[in-house]
Amino acid sequence: MADWGPVFVAVVLFVLLSPGLLFQIPSKGKVVEFGTLQTSSVVIFIHSVLFLALAAVFMLAVGVHVYLG
């Protein structure tokens, strides 16, 4: 059976950490803005680092496993 845990974690984190979709760190005037749908290279870099760090924590340290079938 295939382990779908890493796939599930990656998809959920990708949706949640898409820059500007739910929130944006840093924003132009504040530290956090919600639902702006505007990005810059700094915002993309910070969200990418957050994605990689959280994905590593959930896949390696926590060990999320999902088996189907």
PDB file of N, CA and C in Angstrom:
ATOM      1  N   MET A   1       0.823  -1.176   0.000  1.00  0.00           N
ATOM      2  CA  MET A   1       0.000   0.000   0.000  1.00  0.00           C
ATOM      3  C   MET A   1       0.875   1.250   0.000  1.00  0.00           C
ATOM      4  N   ALA A   2       0.407   2.251  -0.683  1.00  0.00           N
ATOM      5  CA  ALA A   2       1.152   3.502  -0.798  1.00  0.00           C
ATOM      6  C   ALA A   2       0.865   4.406   0.397  1.00  0.00           C
ATOM      7  N   ASP A   3       1.890   5.131   0.804  1.00  0.00           N
ATOM      8  CA  ASP A   3       1.751   6.091   1.896  1.00  0.00           C
ATOM      9  C   ASP A   3       1.409   7.453   1.302  1.00  0.00           C
ATOM     10  N   TRP A   4       0.181   7.928   1.551  1.00  0.00           N
ATOM     11  CA  TRP A   4      -0.284   9.197   1.003  1.00  0.00           C
ATOM     12  C   TRP A   4      -0.107  10.351   1.979  1.00  0.00           C
ATOM     13  N   GLY A   5       0.525  10.136   3.104  1.00  0.00           N
ATOM     14  CA  GLY A   5       0.729  11.171   4.100  1.00  0.00           C
ATOM     15  C   GLY A   5       1.503  12.370   3.578  1.00  0.00           C
ATOM     16  N   PRO A   6       2.693  12.162   2.974  1.00  0.00           N
ATOM     17  CA  PRO A   6       3.438  13.301   2.447  1.00  0.00           C
ATOM     18  C   PRO A   6       2.700  14.071   1.358  1.00  0.00           C
ATOM     19  N   VAL A   7       1.949  13.383   0.535  1.00  0.00           N
ATOM     20  CA  VAL A   7       1.179  14.051  -0.519  1.00  0.00           C
ATOM     21  C   VAL A   7       0.089  14.916   0.106  1.00  0.00           C
ATOM     22  N   PHE A   8      -0.615  14.360   1.067  1.00  0.00           N
ATOM     23  CA  PHE A   8      -1.674  15.103   1.751  1.00  0.00           C
ATOM     24  C   PHE A   8      -1.121  16.331   2.465  1.00  0.00           C
ATOM     25  N   VAL A   9      -0.011  16.169   3.170  1.00  0.00           N
ATOM     26  CA  VAL A   9       0.613  17.293   3.878  1.00  0.00           C
ATOM     27  C   VAL A   9       1.048  18.373   2.893  1.00  0.00           C
ATOM     28  N   ALA A  10       1.666  17.977   1.794  1.00  0.00           N
ATOM     29  CA  ALA A  10       2.149  18.953   0.816  1.00  0.00           C
ATOM     30  C   ALA A  10       1.002  19.730   0.171  1.00  0.00           C
ATOM     31  N   VAL A  11      -0.074  19.055  -0.169  1.00  0.00           N
ATOM     32  CA  VAL A  11      -1.212  19.736  -0.802  1.00  0.00           C
ATOM     33  C   VAL A  11      -1.879  20.704   0.170  1.00  0.00           C
ATOM     34  N   VAL A  12      -2.093  20.277   1.395  1.00  0.00           N
ATOM     35  CA  VAL A  12      -2.736  21.156   2.383  1.00  0.00           C
ATOM     36  C   VAL A  12      -1.859  22.365   2.678  1.00  0.00           C
ATOM     37  N   LEU A  13      -0.555  22.150   2.866  1.00  0.00           N
ATOM     38  CA  LEU A  13       0.334  23.280   3.128  1.00  0.00           C
ATOM     39  C   LEU A  13       0.438  24.210   1.921  1.00  0.00           C
ATOM     40  N   PHE A  14       0.425  23.652   0.716  1.00  0.00           N
ATOM     41  CA  PHE A  14       0.487  24.487  -0.482  1.00  0.00           C
ATOM     42  C   PHE A  14      -0.721  25.414  -0.571  1.00  0.00           C
ATOM     43  N   VAL A  15      -1.902  24.876  -0.287  1.00  0.00           N
ATOM     44  CA  VAL A  15      -3.115  25.698  -0.341  1.00  0.00           C
ATOM     45  C   VAL A  15      -3.113  26.738   0.778  1.00  0.00           C
ATOM     46  N   LEU A  16      -2.752  26.327   1.983  1.00  0.00           N
ATOM     47  CA  LEU A  16      -2.773  27.255   3.110  1.00  0.00           C
ATOM     48  C   LEU A  16      -1.693  28.327   3.022  1.00  0.00           C
ATOM     49  N   LEU A  17      -0.537  27.990   2.458  1.00  0.00           N
ATOM     50  CA  LEU A  17       0.581  28.932   2.420  1.00  0.00           C
ATOM     51  C   LEU A  17       0.776  29.596   1.062  1.00  0.00           C
ATOM     52  N   SER A  18      -0.205  29.529   0.180  1.00  0.00           N
ATOM     53  CA  SER A  18      -0.106  30.266  -1.075  1.00  0.00           C
ATOM     54  C   SER A  18      -0.102  31.757  -0.768  1.00  0.00           C
ATOM     55  N   PRO A  19       0.933  32.474  -1.203  1.00  0.00           N
ATOM     56  CA  PRO A  19       1.047  33.889  -0.825  1.00  0.00           C
ATOM     57  C   PRO A  19      -0.154  34.713  -1.284  1.00  0.00           C
ATOM     58  N   GLY A  20      -0.774  35.406  -0.364  1.00  0.00           N
ATOM     59  CA  GLY A  20      -1.887  36.279  -0.679  1.00  0.00           C
ATOM     60  C   GLY A  20      -3.239  35.616  -0.696  1.00  0.00           C
ATOM     61  N   LEU A  21      -3.301  34.311  -0.673  1.00  0.00           N
ATOM     62  CA  LEU A  21      -4.605  33.639  -0.729  1.00  0.00           C
ATOM     63  C   LEU A  21      -5.341  33.783   0.603  1.00  0.00           C
ATOM     64  N   LEU A  22      -4.778  33.280   1.675  1.00  0.00           N
ATOM     65  CA  LEU A  22      -5.385  33.444   2.999  1.00  0.00           C
ATOM     66  C   LEU A  22      -4.722  34.573   3.776  1.00  0.00           C
ATOM     67  N   PHE A  23      -3.397  34.588   3.747  1.00  0.00           N
ATOM     68  CA  PHE A  23      -2.667  35.643   4.448  1.00  0.00           C
ATOM     69  C   PHE A  23      -1.351  35.901   3.726  1.00  0.00           C
ATOM     70  N   GLN A  24      -0.713  37.003   4.090  1.00  0.00           N
ATOM     71  CA  GLN A  24       0.533  37.390   3.441  1.00  0.00           C
ATOM     72  C   GLN A  24       1.480  37.946   4.505  1.00  0.00           C
ATOM     73  N   ILE A  25       2.677  37.361   4.577  1.00  0.00           N
ATOM     74  CA  ILE A  25       3.711  37.805   5.517  1.00  0.00           C
ATOM     75  C   ILE A  25       4.952  38.126   4.714  1.00  0.00           C
ATOM     76  N   PRO A  26       5.609  39.212   4.785  1.00  0.00           N
ATOM     77  CA  PRO A  26       5.191  40.519   5.278  1.00  0.00           C
ATOM     78  C   PRO A  26       4.357  41.226   4.224  1.00  0.00           C
ATOM     79  N   SER A  27       3.569  42.166   4.635  1.00  0.00           N
ATOM     80  CA  SER A  27       2.774  42.933   3.676  1.00  0.00           C
ATOM     81  C   SER A  27       3.385  44.317   3.530  1.00  0.00           C
ATOM     82  N   LYS A  28       2.767  45.151   2.747  1.00  0.00           N
ATOM     83  CA  LYS A  28       3.345  46.476   2.489  1.00  0.00           C
ATOM     84  C   LYS A  28       3.228  47.412   3.682  1.00  0.00           C
ATOM     85  N   GLY A  29       2.100  47.406   4.374  1.00  0.00           N
ATOM     86  CA  GLY A  29       1.917  48.339   5.468  1.00  0.00           C
ATOM     87  C   GLY A  29       1.911  47.706   6.844  1.00  0.00           C
ATOM     88  N   LYS A  30       1.633  46.413   6.915  1.00  0.00           N
ATOM     89  CA  LYS A  30       1.504  45.722   8.193  1.00  0.00           C
ATOM     90  C   LYS A  30       2.394  44.480   8.187  1.00  0.00           C
ATOM     91  N   VAL A  31       2.399  43.790   9.291  1.00  0.00           N
ATOM     92  CA  VAL A  31       3.151  42.543   9.351  1.00  0.00           C
ATOM     93  C   VAL A  31       2.397  41.444   8.611  1.00  0.00           C
ATOM     94  N   VAL A  32       1.081  41.371   8.834  1.00  0.00           N
ATOM     95  CA  VAL A  32       0.245  40.343   8.211  1.00  0.00           C
ATOM     96  C   VAL A  32      -0.975  41.006   7.605  1.00  0.00           C
ATOM     97  N   GLU A  33      -1.309  40.632   6.360  1.00  0.00           N
ATOM     98  CA  GLU A  33      -2.564  41.037   5.724  1.00  0.00           C
ATOM     99  C   GLU A  33      -3.301  39.779   5.293  1.00  0.00           C
ATOM    100  N   PHE A  34      -4.601  39.862   5.244  1.00  0.00           N
ATOM    101  CA  PHE A  34      -5.415  38.704   4.909  1.00  0.00           C
ATOM    102  C   PHE A  34      -6.151  38.930   3.600  1.00  0.00           C
ATOM    103  N   GLY A  35      -6.067  37.950   2.674  1.00  0.00           N
ATOM    104  CA  GLY A  35      -6.834  37.955   1.443  1.00  0.00           C
ATOM    105  C   GLY A  35      -6.505  39.061   0.463  1.00  0.00           C
ATOM    106  N   THR A  36      -5.242  39.419   0.297  1.00  0.00           N
ATOM    107  CA  THR A  36      -4.901  40.526  -0.594  1.00  0.00           C
ATOM    108  C   THR A  36      -4.690  40.083  -2.038  1.00  0.00           C
ATOM    109  N   LEU A  37      -4.240  38.847  -2.245  1.00  0.00           N
ATOM    110  CA  LEU A  37      -3.931  38.292  -3.564  1.00  0.00           C
ATOM    111  C   LEU A  37      -2.864  39.109  -4.303  1.00  0.00           C
ATOM    112  N   GLN A  38      -2.029  39.827  -3.574  1.00  0.00           N
ATOM    113  CA  GLN A  38      -0.911  40.564  -4.158  1.00  0.00           C
ATOM    114  C   GLN A  38       0.370  40.030  -3.542  1.00  0.00           C
ATOM    115  N   THR A  39       1.380  39.752  -4.380  1.00  0.00           N
ATOM    116  CA  THR A  39       2.615  39.178  -3.876  1.00  0.00           C
ATOM    117  C   THR A  39       3.815  39.952  -4.391  1.00  0.00           C
ATOM    118  N   SER A  40       4.927  39.712  -3.759  1.00  0.00           N
ATOM    119  CA  SER A  40       6.210  40.230  -4.206  1.00  0.00           C
ATOM    120  C   SER A  40       7.231  39.101  -4.051  1.00  0.00           C
ATOM    121  N   SER A  41       8.438  39.341  -4.486  1.00  0.00           N
ATOM    122  CA  SER A  41       9.451  38.294  -4.403  1.00  0.00           C
ATOM    123  C   SER A  41       9.805  37.973  -2.948  1.00  0.00           C
ATOM    124  N   VAL A  42       9.778  38.959  -2.076  1.00  0.00           N
ATOM    125  CA  VAL A  42      10.068  38.724  -0.658  1.00  0.00           C
ATOM    126  C   VAL A  42       8.977  37.853  -0.032  1.00  0.00           C
ATOM    127  N   VAL A  43       7.734  38.147  -0.354  1.00  0.00           N
ATOM    128  CA  VAL A  43       6.613  37.368   0.176  1.00  0.00           C
ATOM    129  C   VAL A  43       6.688  35.922  -0.317  1.00  0.00           C
ATOM    130  N   ILE A  44       6.983  35.728  -1.581  1.00  0.00           N
ATOM    131  CA  ILE A  44       7.097  34.377  -2.139  1.00  0.00           C
ATOM    132  C   ILE A  44       8.217  33.617  -1.453  1.00  0.00           C
ATOM    133  N   PHE A  45       9.352  34.273  -1.210  1.00  0.00           N
ATOM    134  CA  PHE A  45      10.484  33.628  -0.546  1.00  0.00           C
ATOM    135  C   PHE A  45      10.127  33.222   0.879  1.00  0.00           C
ATOM    136  N   ILE A  46       9.490  34.098   1.632  1.00  0.00           N
ATOM    137  CA  ILE A  46       9.136  33.789   3.023  1.00  0.00           C
ATOM    138  C   ILE A  46       8.115  32.660   3.094  1.00  0.00           C
ATOM    139  N   HIS A  47       7.132  32.664   2.219  1.00  0.00           N
ATOM    140  CA  HIS A  47       6.143  31.583   2.203  1.00  0.00           C
ATOM    141  C   HIS A  47       6.775  30.261   1.767  1.00  0.00           C
ATOM    142  N   SER A  48       7.759  30.309   0.884  1.00  0.00           N
ATOM    143  CA  SER A  48       8.458  29.089   0.476  1.00  0.00           C
ATOM    144  C   SER A  48       9.259  28.500   1.627  1.00  0.00           C
ATOM    145  N   VAL A  49       9.934  29.356   2.379  1.00  0.00           N
ATOM    146  CA  VAL A  49      10.690  28.886   3.540  1.00  0.00           C
ATOM    147  C   VAL A  49       9.750  28.300   4.593  1.00  0.00           C
ATOM    148  N   LEU A  50       8.616  28.963   4.836  1.00  0.00           N
ATOM    149  CA  LEU A  50       7.625  28.427   5.768  1.00  0.00           C
ATOM    150  C   LEU A  50       7.090  27.074   5.308  1.00  0.00           C
ATOM    151  N   PHE A  51       6.827  26.952   4.004  1.00  0.00           N
ATOM    152  CA  PHE A  51       6.334  25.688   3.449  1.00  0.00           C
ATOM    153  C   PHE A  51       7.345  24.570   3.671  1.00  0.00           C
ATOM    154  N   LEU A  52       8.602  24.817   3.343  1.00  0.00           N
ATOM    155  CA  LEU A  52       9.626  23.778   3.497  1.00  0.00           C
ATOM    156  C   LEU A  52       9.836  23.400   4.956  1.00  0.00           C
ATOM    157  N   ALA A  53       9.825  24.389   5.841  1.00  0.00           N
ATOM    158  CA  ALA A  53      10.018  24.094   7.261  1.00  0.00           C
ATOM    159  C   ALA A  53       8.853  23.283   7.826  1.00  0.00           C
ATOM    160  N   LEU A  54       7.635  23.695   7.522  1.00  0.00           N
ATOM    161  CA  LEU A  54       6.468  22.967   8.033  1.00  0.00           C
ATOM    162  C   LEU A  54       6.335  21.587   7.396  1.00  0.00           C
ATOM    163  N   ALA A  55       6.658  21.468   6.123  1.00  0.00           N
ATOM    164  CA  ALA A  55       6.605  20.159   5.471  1.00  0.00           C
ATOM    165  C   ALA A  55       7.626  19.210   6.101  1.00  0.00           C
ATOM    166  N   ALA A  56       8.814  19.711   6.384  1.00  0.00           N
ATOM    167  CA  ALA A  56       9.829  18.868   7.029  1.00  0.00           C
ATOM    168  C   ALA A  56       9.387  18.440   8.418  1.00  0.00           C
ATOM    169  N   VAL A  57       8.784  19.344   9.170  1.00  0.00           N
ATOM    170  CA  VAL A  57       8.316  18.998  10.514  1.00  0.00           C
ATOM    171  C   VAL A  57       7.237  17.942  10.448  1.00  0.00           C
ATOM    172  N   PHE A  58       6.246  18.127   9.575  1.00  0.00           N
ATOM    173  CA  PHE A  58       5.135  17.182   9.524  1.00  0.00           C
ATOM    174  C   PHE A  58       5.532  15.843   8.920  1.00  0.00           C
ATOM    175  N   MET A  59       6.423  15.831   7.941  1.00  0.00           N
ATOM    176  CA  MET A  59       6.781  14.570   7.292  1.00  0.00           C
ATOM    177  C   MET A  59       7.861  13.806   8.041  1.00  0.00           C
ATOM    178  N   LEU A  60       8.839  14.507   8.580  1.00  0.00           N
ATOM    179  CA  LEU A  60       9.955  13.825   9.226  1.00  0.00           C
ATOM    180  C   LEU A  60       9.798  13.707  10.731  1.00  0.00           C
ATOM    181  N   ALA A  61       9.510  14.799  11.404  1.00  0.00           N
ATOM    182  CA  ALA A  61       9.454  14.771  12.866  1.00  0.00           C
ATOM    183  C   ALA A  61       8.163  14.141  13.377  1.00  0.00           C
ATOM    184  N   VAL A  62       7.041  14.559  12.826  1.00  0.00           N
ATOM    185  CA  VAL A  62       5.759  14.038  13.291  1.00  0.00           C
ATOM    186  C   VAL A  62       5.473  12.677  12.645  1.00  0.00           C
ATOM    187  N   GLY A  63       5.850  12.525  11.384  1.00  0.00           N
ATOM    188  CA  GLY A  63       5.650  11.249  10.692  1.00  0.00           C
ATOM    189  C   GLY A  63       4.208  10.987  10.319  1.00  0.00           C
ATOM    190  N   VAL A  64       3.613  11.895   9.568  1.00  0.00           N
ATOM    191  CA  VAL A  64       2.228  11.731   9.141  1.00  0.00           C
ATOM    192  C   VAL A  64       2.143  10.614   8.102  1.00  0.00           C
ATOM    193  N   HIS A  65       1.289   9.637   8.344  1.00  0.00           N
ATOM    194  CA  HIS A  65       1.099   8.520   7.409  1.00  0.00           C
ATOM    195  C   HIS A  65      -0.388   8.336   7.139  1.00  0.00           C
ATOM    196  N   VAL A  66      -0.735   8.190   5.864  1.00  0.00           N
ATOM    197  CA  VAL A  66      -2.122   7.948   5.462  1.00  0.00           C
ATOM    198  C   VAL A  66      -2.095   6.792   4.462  1.00  0.00           C
ATOM    199  N   TYR A  67      -2.748   5.696   4.811  1.00  0.00           N
ATOM    200  CA  TYR A  67      -2.819   4.530   3.934  1.00  0.00           C
ATOM    201  C   TYR A  67      -4.258   4.350   3.467  1.00  0.00           C
ATOM    202  N   LEU A  68      -4.445   4.231   2.172  1.00  0.00           N
ATOM    203  CA  LEU A  68      -5.773   4.052   1.598  1.00  0.00           C
ATOM    204  C   LEU A  68      -5.926   2.633   1.077  1.00  0.00           C
ATOM    205  N   GLY A  69      -7.098   2.126   1.195  1.00  0.00           N
ATOM    206  CA  GLY A  69      -7.389   0.829   0.600  1.00  0.00           C
ATOM    207  C   GLY A  69      -7.331  -0.239   1.595  1.00  0.00           C
TER     208      GLY A  69
END
